Amino acid sequence: MDILGQLSADQEQELQKITDQAQSLALEQAQSYIVEIMRQMMIRDNLIAHLLTTTGMPQRQYAQSIVFQSKSL
């Protein structure tokens, strides 16, 4: 059972591959990737907010559960 805020073994393995690849990036490439990742995270946040609104779960309750999960790790 995956716990919110933790990575699965497969995700940890994928993260290690990405870490290895990131070591060879030029500064400009790394900056471009950071901006793109932030853009995608903002889109993800918008999607989560939309899903919370349509399902009726208060966003504040969701945000508090995320904070609680990260503090318990």
C-alpha atoms as a PDB file:
ATOM      1  CA  MET A   1       0.000   0.000   0.000  1.00  0.00           C
ATOM      2  CA  ASP A   2       1.505   3.327  -1.080  1.00  0.00           C
ATOM      3  CA  ILE A   3       1.361   6.142   1.410  1.00  0.00           C
ATOM      4  CA  LEU A   4       0.728   9.660   0.183  1.00  0.00           C
ATOM      5  CA  GLY A   5       4.021  11.541   0.143  1.00  0.00           C
ATOM      6  CA  GLN A   6       6.208   8.468  -0.368  1.00  0.00           C
ATOM      7  CA  LEU A   7       7.550   6.939  -3.542  1.00  0.00           C
ATOM      8  CA  SER A   8       7.070   3.342  -4.563  1.00  0.00           C
ATOM      9  CA  ALA A   9      10.122   1.184  -5.273  1.00  0.00           C
ATOM     10  CA  ASP A  10       9.531   1.643  -9.012  1.00  0.00           C
ATOM     11  CA  GLN A  11       9.344   5.418  -8.571  1.00  0.00           C
ATOM     12  CA  GLU A  12      12.558   5.407  -6.511  1.00  0.00           C
ATOM     13  CA  GLN A  13      14.278   3.487  -9.318  1.00  0.00           C
ATOM     14  CA  GLU A  14      12.980   5.920 -11.929  1.00  0.00           C
ATOM     15  CA  LEU A  15      14.099   8.873  -9.793  1.00  0.00           C
ATOM     16  CA  GLN A  16      17.605   7.408  -9.604  1.00  0.00           C
ATOM     17  CA  LYS A  17      17.713   7.151 -13.417  1.00  0.00           C
ATOM     18  CA  ILE A  18      16.612  10.787 -13.699  1.00  0.00           C
ATOM     19  CA  THR A  19      19.214  11.821 -11.120  1.00  0.00           C
ATOM     20  CA  ASP A  20      21.934  10.080 -13.117  1.00  0.00           C
ATOM     21  CA  GLN A  21      20.791  11.761 -16.341  1.00  0.00           C
ATOM     22  CA  ALA A  22      20.584  15.179 -14.684  1.00  0.00           C
ATOM     23  CA  GLN A  23      24.278  15.058 -13.818  1.00  0.00           C
ATOM     24  CA  SER A  24      25.176  15.447 -17.501  1.00  0.00           C
ATOM     25  CA  LEU A  25      22.886  18.396 -18.287  1.00  0.00           C
ATOM     26  CA  ALA A  26      24.215  21.799 -19.234  1.00  0.00           C
ATOM     27  CA  LEU A  27      23.040  24.729 -17.086  1.00  0.00           C
ATOM     28  CA  GLU A  28      20.661  25.980 -19.792  1.00  0.00           C
ATOM     29  CA  GLN A  29      19.118  22.515 -20.187  1.00  0.00           C
ATOM     30  CA  ALA A  30      18.670  22.159 -16.426  1.00  0.00           C
ATOM     31  CA  GLN A  31      17.020  25.587 -16.192  1.00  0.00           C
ATOM     32  CA  SER A  32      14.665  24.731 -19.043  1.00  0.00           C
ATOM     33  CA  TYR A  33      13.686  21.438 -17.379  1.00  0.00           C
ATOM     34  CA  ILE A  34      13.042  23.161 -14.053  1.00  0.00           C
ATOM     35  CA  VAL A  35      10.705  25.663 -15.695  1.00  0.00           C
ATOM     36  CA  GLU A  36       8.865  22.860 -17.524  1.00  0.00           C
ATOM     37  CA  ILE A  37       8.536  20.784 -14.355  1.00  0.00           C
ATOM     38  CA  MET A  38       7.108  23.782 -12.489  1.00  0.00           C
ATOM     39  CA  ARG A  39       4.625  24.374 -15.330  1.00  0.00           C
ATOM     40  CA  GLN A  40       3.516  20.743 -15.165  1.00  0.00           C
ATOM     41  CA  MET A  41       3.202  20.890 -11.374  1.00  0.00           C
ATOM     42  CA  MET A  42       0.983  23.972 -11.668  1.00  0.00           C
ATOM     43  CA  ILE A  43      -1.219  22.142 -14.178  1.00  0.00           C
ATOM     44  CA  ARG A  44      -1.373  19.173 -11.779  1.00  0.00           C
ATOM     45  CA  ASP A  45      -2.376  21.517  -8.941  1.00  0.00           C
ATOM     46  CA  ASN A  46      -5.123  22.992 -11.127  1.00  0.00           C
ATOM     47  CA  LEU A  47      -6.381  19.499 -11.937  1.00  0.00           C
ATOM     48  CA  ILE A  48      -6.401  18.496  -8.263  1.00  0.00           C
ATOM     49  CA  ALA A  49      -8.250  21.702  -7.332  1.00  0.00           C
ATOM     50  CA  HIS A  50     -10.804  21.025 -10.075  1.00  0.00           C
ATOM     51  CA  LEU A  51     -11.306  17.418  -8.937  1.00  0.00           C
ATOM     52  CA  LEU A  52     -11.710  18.531  -5.335  1.00  0.00           C
ATOM     53  CA  THR A  53     -14.288  21.104  -6.377  1.00  0.00           C
ATOM     54  CA  THR A  54     -16.270  18.636  -8.459  1.00  0.00           C
ATOM     55  CA  THR A  55     -16.187  15.928  -5.772  1.00  0.00           C
ATOM     56  CA  GLY A  56     -17.045  18.349  -2.987  1.00  0.00           C
ATOM     57  CA  MET A  57     -13.955  17.728  -0.838  1.00  0.00           C
ATOM     58  CA  PRO A  58     -12.861  21.010   0.725  1.00  0.00           C
ATOM     59  CA  GLN A  59      -9.481  22.094  -0.629  1.00  0.00           C
ATOM     60  CA  ARG A  60      -8.425  23.164   2.848  1.00  0.00           C
ATOM     61  CA  GLN A  61      -9.046  19.636   4.159  1.00  0.00           C
ATOM     62  CA  TYR A  62      -6.992  18.208   1.280  1.00  0.00           C
ATOM     63  CA  ALA A  63      -4.140  20.663   1.908  1.00  0.00           C
ATOM     64  CA  GLN A  64      -4.112  19.828   5.607  1.00  0.00           C
ATOM     65  CA  SER A  65      -3.954  16.096   4.855  1.00  0.00           C
ATOM     66  CA  ILE A  66      -0.928  16.691   2.604  1.00  0.00           C
ATOM     67  CA  VAL A  67       0.826  18.693   5.337  1.00  0.00           C
ATOM     68  CA  PHE A  68       0.020  16.004   7.899  1.00  0.00           C
ATOM     69  CA  GLN A  69       1.389  13.265   5.641  1.00  0.00           C
ATOM     70  CA  SER A  70       4.652  15.109   4.967  1.00  0.00           C
ATOM     71  CA  LYS A  71       5.231  15.791   8.674  1.00  0.00           C
ATOM     72  CA  SER A  72       4.700  12.151   9.592  1.00  0.00           C
ATOM     73  CA  LEU A  73       7.450  10.922   7.255  1.00  0.00           C
END
